[in-house]
Protein backbone atom coordinates (compact mmCIF):
# COMPACT_ATOMS: atom_id res chain seq x y z
CA MET A 1 12.08 14.63 25.13
CA SER A 2 12.84 12.54 22.04
CA LEU A 3 11.34 9.42 21.39
CA LEU A 4 14.55 7.55 22.38
CA ARG A 5 14.21 8.87 25.89
CA ARG A 6 10.72 8.26 26.67
CA ARG A 7 10.01 7.00 30.04
CA ASP A 8 6.09 6.25 29.56
CA GLY A 9 6.40 3.26 27.40
CA PRO A 10 6.46 3.04 23.53
CA ARG A 11 4.71 5.63 21.24
CA ILE A 12 1.88 3.29 20.43
CA LYS A 13 0.46 0.56 22.83
CA TYR A 14 -1.24 -1.95 20.70
CA VAL A 15 -3.10 -5.05 21.79
CA ALA A 16 -4.43 -7.12 18.76
CA GLU A 17 -7.86 -8.62 19.30
CA ASP A 18 -8.09 -12.40 19.21
CA ALA A 19 -10.71 -13.17 16.88
CA GLY A 20 -10.02 -16.69 17.05
CA PRO A 21 -7.98 -19.53 14.79
CA TYR A 22 -8.29 -19.81 11.03
CA ASP A 23 -9.92 -23.07 9.67
CA THR A 24 -8.40 -23.18 6.10
CA ILE A 25 -5.32 -20.99 6.15
CA SER A 26 -2.47 -20.35 8.68
CA VAL A 27 -1.40 -16.69 9.50
CA ASP A 28 2.03 -15.85 10.76
CA LYS A 29 2.23 -12.21 11.87
CA LEU A 30 5.21 -10.25 11.08
CA THR A 31 4.74 -7.79 13.81
CA PRO A 32 1.58 -7.40 16.10
CA ILE A 33 0.71 -4.28 14.38
CA ILE A 34 0.94 -4.95 10.45
CA GLY A 35 1.84 -7.77 8.21
CA GLY A 36 0.93 -11.63 8.13
CA GLU A 37 2.31 -14.42 5.93
CA ILE A 38 -0.44 -16.66 4.79
CA GLY A 39 0.17 -20.67 4.51
CA GLY A 40 -1.86 -23.44 3.58
CA VAL A 41 -3.19 -22.09 0.21
CA ASP A 42 -2.50 -22.53 -3.53
CA LEU A 43 -3.74 -19.39 -4.99
CA ALA A 44 -3.56 -21.28 -8.63
CA GLN A 45 -6.47 -23.37 -7.46
CA PRO A 46 -10.09 -22.52 -7.02
CA LEU A 47 -10.73 -20.98 -3.63
CA GLY A 48 -13.64 -22.22 -1.44
CA ASN A 49 -15.86 -19.77 0.04
CA ARG A 50 -14.54 -20.31 3.43
CA THR A 51 -10.97 -19.93 2.49
CA LEU A 52 -11.70 -16.58 0.66
CA ASP A 53 -13.71 -15.24 3.62
CA GLU A 54 -10.53 -16.16 5.65
CA ILE A 55 -8.08 -14.40 3.33
CA HIS A 56 -10.65 -11.37 3.59
CA ARG A 57 -10.37 -11.40 7.43
CA ALA A 58 -6.65 -11.91 7.40
CA LEU A 59 -6.17 -8.80 5.27
CA ALA A 60 -8.54 -6.64 7.62
CA GLU A 61 -6.58 -7.92 10.68
CA ASN A 62 -3.24 -7.59 9.21
CA LEU A 63 -3.49 -4.82 6.64
CA VAL A 64 -0.93 -6.61 4.23
CA ILE A 65 -0.68 -10.21 3.69
CA PHE A 66 1.91 -12.35 2.13
CA PHE A 67 1.93 -15.52 0.10
CA ARG A 68 4.99 -17.65 -0.83
CA ASP A 69 5.59 -20.25 -3.51
CA GLN A 70 2.76 -19.20 -5.89
CA HIS A 71 2.68 -20.24 -9.52
CA LEU A 72 0.21 -18.13 -11.26
CA SER A 73 -0.38 -17.40 -14.80
CA GLU A 74 -1.37 -13.84 -15.79
CA ASP A 75 -4.87 -14.87 -16.06
CA GLN A 76 -4.86 -16.42 -12.73
CA HIS A 77 -3.35 -13.36 -11.08
CA LEU A 78 -6.13 -11.40 -12.75
CA ALA A 79 -8.70 -13.80 -11.53
CA PHE A 80 -7.55 -13.73 -8.00
CA GLY A 81 -7.86 -9.92 -8.00
CA ARG A 82 -11.42 -10.08 -9.41
CA LEU A 83 -12.35 -12.01 -6.31
CA PHE A 84 -12.13 -8.80 -4.25
CA GLY A 85 -13.93 -6.48 -6.81
CA ASP A 86 -13.42 -4.89 -10.21
CA LEU A 87 -9.91 -4.18 -11.45
CA HIS A 88 -8.55 -0.53 -11.66
CA LEU A 89 -6.75 0.72 -14.61
CA HIS A 90 -3.49 2.66 -13.58
CA PRO A 91 -3.60 6.07 -15.49
CA ALA A 92 -0.11 6.23 -16.42
CA ALA A 93 1.82 2.93 -15.92
CA PRO A 94 2.47 0.23 -18.79
CA HIS A 95 0.65 -2.98 -18.89
CA GLY A 96 1.06 -6.34 -19.94
CA PRO A 97 -0.01 -7.14 -23.81
CA GLY A 98 -3.82 -7.57 -23.99
CA HIS A 99 -4.06 -6.99 -20.34
CA PRO A 100 -4.70 -3.25 -19.24
CA GLU A 101 -5.41 -4.49 -15.57
CA LEU A 102 -1.92 -5.95 -15.39
CA MET A 103 0.66 -3.23 -14.47
CA ILE A 104 4.22 -4.00 -15.35
CA ILE A 105 6.72 -3.84 -12.30
CA HIS A 106 10.27 -4.02 -13.50
CA ALA A 107 13.55 -2.50 -12.58
CA ASP A 108 17.13 -3.51 -14.13
CA LYS A 109 20.46 -2.08 -14.52
CA ASP A 110 18.98 0.22 -17.35
CA SER A 111 16.13 1.44 -15.37
CA PRO A 112 15.84 5.28 -14.85
CA ARG A 113 13.70 4.57 -11.69
CA ALA A 114 11.93 1.85 -10.15
CA ASN A 115 8.22 1.67 -8.91
CA GLY A 116 7.42 2.61 -5.31
CA GLU A 117 10.53 4.15 -4.12
CA GLY A 118 9.03 6.62 -1.65
CA TRP A 119 6.15 6.43 0.81
CA HIS A 120 2.73 6.39 -0.79
CA SER A 121 -0.55 4.90 -1.14
CA ASP A 122 -1.27 3.85 -4.73
CA VAL A 123 -2.89 6.20 -7.14
CA SER A 124 -4.53 8.32 -4.17
CA CYS A 125 -4.96 11.02 -6.73
CA ASP A 126 -7.88 9.02 -8.34
CA PRO A 127 -11.51 10.25 -7.17
CA GLU A 128 -11.91 6.77 -5.93
CA PRO A 129 -8.55 5.29 -5.14
CA PRO A 130 -7.73 1.57 -5.24
CA MET A 131 -8.94 -0.37 -2.29
CA GLY A 132 -6.09 -3.01 -2.59
CA SER A 133 -2.88 -4.02 -4.63
CA ILE A 134 -1.74 -7.48 -5.34
CA LEU A 135 1.99 -7.54 -6.42
CA TYR A 136 3.23 -10.73 -7.79
CA ILE A 137 7.23 -10.86 -8.06
CA ARG A 138 8.48 -13.47 -10.37
CA LYS A 139 12.19 -12.47 -10.45
CA CYS A 140 14.24 -11.16 -7.46
CA PRO A 141 17.60 -9.69 -7.02
CA PRO A 142 19.89 -12.24 -4.95
CA HIS A 143 19.88 -9.48 -2.19
CA GLY A 144 17.92 -6.44 -1.34
CA GLY A 145 14.69 -5.24 -3.08
CA ASP A 146 12.58 -5.37 0.20
CA THR A 147 9.30 -3.62 0.49
CA LEU A 148 8.38 -1.63 3.72
CA PHE A 149 4.73 -1.24 4.79
CA ALA A 150 3.46 1.10 7.46
CA SER A 151 -0.01 1.17 9.22
CA MET A 152 -1.79 4.50 8.94
CA TYR A 153 -4.20 3.13 11.70
CA ALA A 154 -1.27 3.22 14.03
CA ALA A 155 0.14 6.34 12.82
CA TYR A 156 -3.25 8.02 13.37
CA ASP A 157 -3.63 6.31 16.75
CA ALA A 158 -0.25 7.62 18.09
CA LEU A 159 -1.18 11.23 17.37
CA SER A 160 -2.06 13.26 20.35
CA ASP A 161 -5.53 14.19 21.02
CA ARG A 162 -5.08 17.88 20.02
CA MET A 163 -3.65 16.83 16.72
CA LYS A 164 -6.57 14.55 15.99
CA GLY A 165 -8.91 17.40 16.77
CA TYR A 166 -6.95 19.62 14.68
CA LEU A 167 -7.07 17.10 11.49
CA ASP A 168 -10.48 16.18 12.04
CA GLY A 169 -12.54 17.57 8.86
CA LEU A 170 -9.66 18.81 7.11
CA LYS A 171 -9.19 17.74 3.31
CA ALA A 172 -6.10 17.61 1.06
CA VAL A 173 -5.39 17.81 -2.69
CA HIS A 174 -3.81 14.65 -4.32
CA ASP A 175 -2.30 15.35 -7.78
CA GLY A 176 -1.26 12.60 -10.14
CA GLU A 177 0.79 15.12 -12.25
CA HIS A 178 4.20 13.76 -11.22
CA TYR A 179 3.37 10.89 -13.52
CA ARG A 180 4.21 13.12 -16.45
CA GLY A 181 7.34 11.54 -18.21
CA GLN A 182 7.76 8.80 -15.58
CA TYR A 183 7.25 5.83 -18.01
CA ALA A 184 8.89 7.37 -21.14
CA ASN A 185 11.52 4.57 -21.10
CA TYR A 186 8.75 2.33 -21.79
CA GLY A 187 7.49 4.23 -24.76
CA VAL A 188 4.37 5.51 -22.78
CA ALA A 189 3.11 8.84 -24.00
CA ASP A 190 1.94 11.35 -21.60
CA LYS A 191 -1.86 12.16 -21.31
CA PRO A 192 -3.07 15.84 -21.42
CA GLU A 193 -3.76 15.45 -17.96
CA TYR A 194 -3.76 13.32 -14.74
CA PRO A 195 -6.18 12.62 -12.08
CA ARG A 196 -6.61 15.08 -9.29
CA ALA A 197 -8.77 14.69 -6.21
CA GLU A 198 -9.56 16.18 -2.80
CA HIS A 199 -9.58 13.70 0.24
CA PRO A 200 -9.95 13.80 3.88
CA VAL A 201 -6.67 13.84 5.67
CA VAL A 202 -8.37 11.31 8.15
CA ARG A 203 -10.29 8.68 6.49
CA THR A 204 -12.69 6.07 8.15
CA HIS A 205 -12.00 2.44 6.66
CA PRO A 206 -15.47 1.17 5.19
CA VAL A 207 -14.83 -2.42 6.64
CA THR A 208 -13.11 -2.04 9.93
CA GLY A 209 -14.57 1.41 10.85
CA ARG A 210 -11.04 2.39 12.16
CA LYS A 211 -9.60 5.89 11.38
CA ALA A 212 -6.39 6.13 9.48
CA LEU A 213 -4.12 8.75 8.24
CA TYR A 214 -4.66 9.43 4.26
CA VAL A 215 -2.04 11.84 3.18
CA ASN A 216 1.28 10.57 1.50
CA LYS A 217 4.44 12.10 0.09
CA GLY A 218 3.91 10.52 -3.49
CA PHE A 219 0.65 12.51 -4.31
CA THR A 220 -0.55 14.95 -1.59
CA ARG A 221 0.15 18.44 -2.49
CA ARG A 222 -1.43 20.59 0.18
CA ILE A 223 -4.17 20.93 2.80
CA LEU A 224 -7.26 22.81 2.05
CA GLY A 225 -8.49 25.72 4.19
CA ILE A 226 -5.25 26.66 5.91
CA PRO A 227 -2.44 28.80 4.90
CA LEU A 228 0.25 27.11 2.47
CA ASP A 229 3.10 27.57 4.92
CA GLU A 230 0.84 25.89 7.63
CA SER A 231 -0.20 23.09 5.32
CA ASP A 232 3.61 22.55 4.38
CA GLY A 233 4.49 22.30 8.13
CA ILE A 234 1.79 20.05 9.03
CA LEU A 235 2.39 17.78 6.24
CA ARG A 236 6.23 17.52 6.97
CA TYR A 237 5.37 16.62 10.46
CA LEU A 238 2.92 13.93 9.30
CA TYR A 239 5.18 12.36 6.77
CA ASP A 240 7.90 12.25 9.42
CA HIS A 241 5.52 10.82 11.88
CA MET A 242 4.33 8.23 9.52
CA ALA A 243 7.80 6.78 8.78
CA ASN A 244 8.27 5.75 12.40
CA PRO A 245 9.62 2.06 12.38
CA LEU A 246 7.08 1.25 15.16
CA PHE A 247 4.40 1.34 12.49
CA GLN A 248 6.10 -0.83 9.91
CA CYS A 249 6.90 -4.28 8.77
CA ARG A 250 9.46 -5.18 6.15
CA PHE A 251 8.92 -8.16 3.51
CA ARG A 252 11.90 -9.77 2.12
CA TRP A 253 10.76 -10.99 -1.38
CA GLN A 254 11.67 -14.58 -2.78
CA GLU A 255 10.76 -15.51 -6.33
CA ASN A 256 7.07 -16.32 -6.62
CA SER A 257 5.96 -14.42 -3.80
CA ILE A 258 2.95 -12.14 -3.61
CA ALA A 259 1.95 -9.07 -1.34
CA PHE A 260 -1.50 -7.98 -1.16
CA TRP A 261 -1.95 -4.79 0.83
CA ASP A 262 -4.96 -2.36 1.76
CA ASN A 263 -4.39 0.87 0.34
CA ARG A 264 -7.00 2.37 2.51
CA CYS A 265 -4.89 2.06 5.74
CA VAL A 266 -1.46 1.18 4.46
CA GLN A 267 1.40 2.99 2.89
CA HIS A 268 4.51 1.25 1.34
CA HIS A 269 7.98 1.90 0.13
CA ALA A 270 9.95 -0.31 -2.33
CA MET A 271 13.73 -0.26 -1.78
CA TRP A 272 15.89 0.04 -4.73
CA ASP A 273 19.12 -1.11 -3.22
CA TYR A 274 19.72 -4.01 -5.68
CA TRP A 275 21.24 -2.28 -8.88
CA PRO A 276 22.39 -3.64 -11.24
CA HIS A 277 20.21 -6.67 -10.64
CA THR A 278 16.66 -7.11 -11.93
CA ARG A 279 13.39 -7.28 -10.01
CA SER A 280 10.23 -8.05 -11.90
CA GLY A 281 6.62 -8.91 -11.95
CA HIS A 282 3.12 -7.54 -12.34
CA ARG A 283 0.50 -5.96 -10.06
CA VAL A 284 -3.24 -6.39 -10.14
CA THR A 285 -5.12 -3.37 -8.45
CA VAL A 286 -8.54 -3.70 -7.07
CA LYS A 287 -11.03 -0.72 -7.27
CA GLY A 288 -12.06 1.35 -4.34
CA ASP A 289 -14.68 3.80 -3.32
CA ARG A 290 -14.40 7.49 -2.51
CA PRO A 291 -12.53 7.98 0.87
CA VAL A 292 -14.84 9.32 3.59
């Protein structure tokens, strides 16, 4: 029976736990499953401990959080990222002058590609992939350029018990070789090799303890310990499953907006539907731990 003809309710039935109100910020959920827009905070100003704790909590509860009307310098953007941990250096992408931690995000009429066009989790090819990414967009196209975010908690929870049992304990190869030549238009020379790592197909979030699917089209090449054709079939199914709109929210960018997502439980897909217009900003990425 197709998903559209189900008679037992939606694919996933989710009831968010009510952890009580926030004291120093407001949180307007985009969907019950993923996404929250944060209000009442100016990230250019020093953040008190209570506010920082509540931003941590909002990220854990909503997986990706958004801030509007923020006016940060490059140094302030970097400083905000460091509140959540040491900063990650991208293995291939261009960065701001003097700031190797500040990744350039830019696409215009002359660009051969745009960052993040397919579903992925940032730099999952690293042995210790990033915990989170903080994208600050300063220039937007008049229309389009949205980013889609998907909950890998929800994608895992919606699997059958049989599929969960099958995936338990499996590992997959994540490879960064697709970076080769990707930033040639910026004058970035290729490295002799790019990161490659093996990660569990299902990872456990170190903060929430929840299980999340951790394979993605951008980096995952095969599941280990099973025949290649079986790996290809399982990955095709999982990629199709993950892209279910039930697990997603969609963020419409405005100039001077920020998105902060948790790469441990979220995938994202940036739409390049705004050619010949420009979308431009910077991304700061926070280091993470080895997935388990």
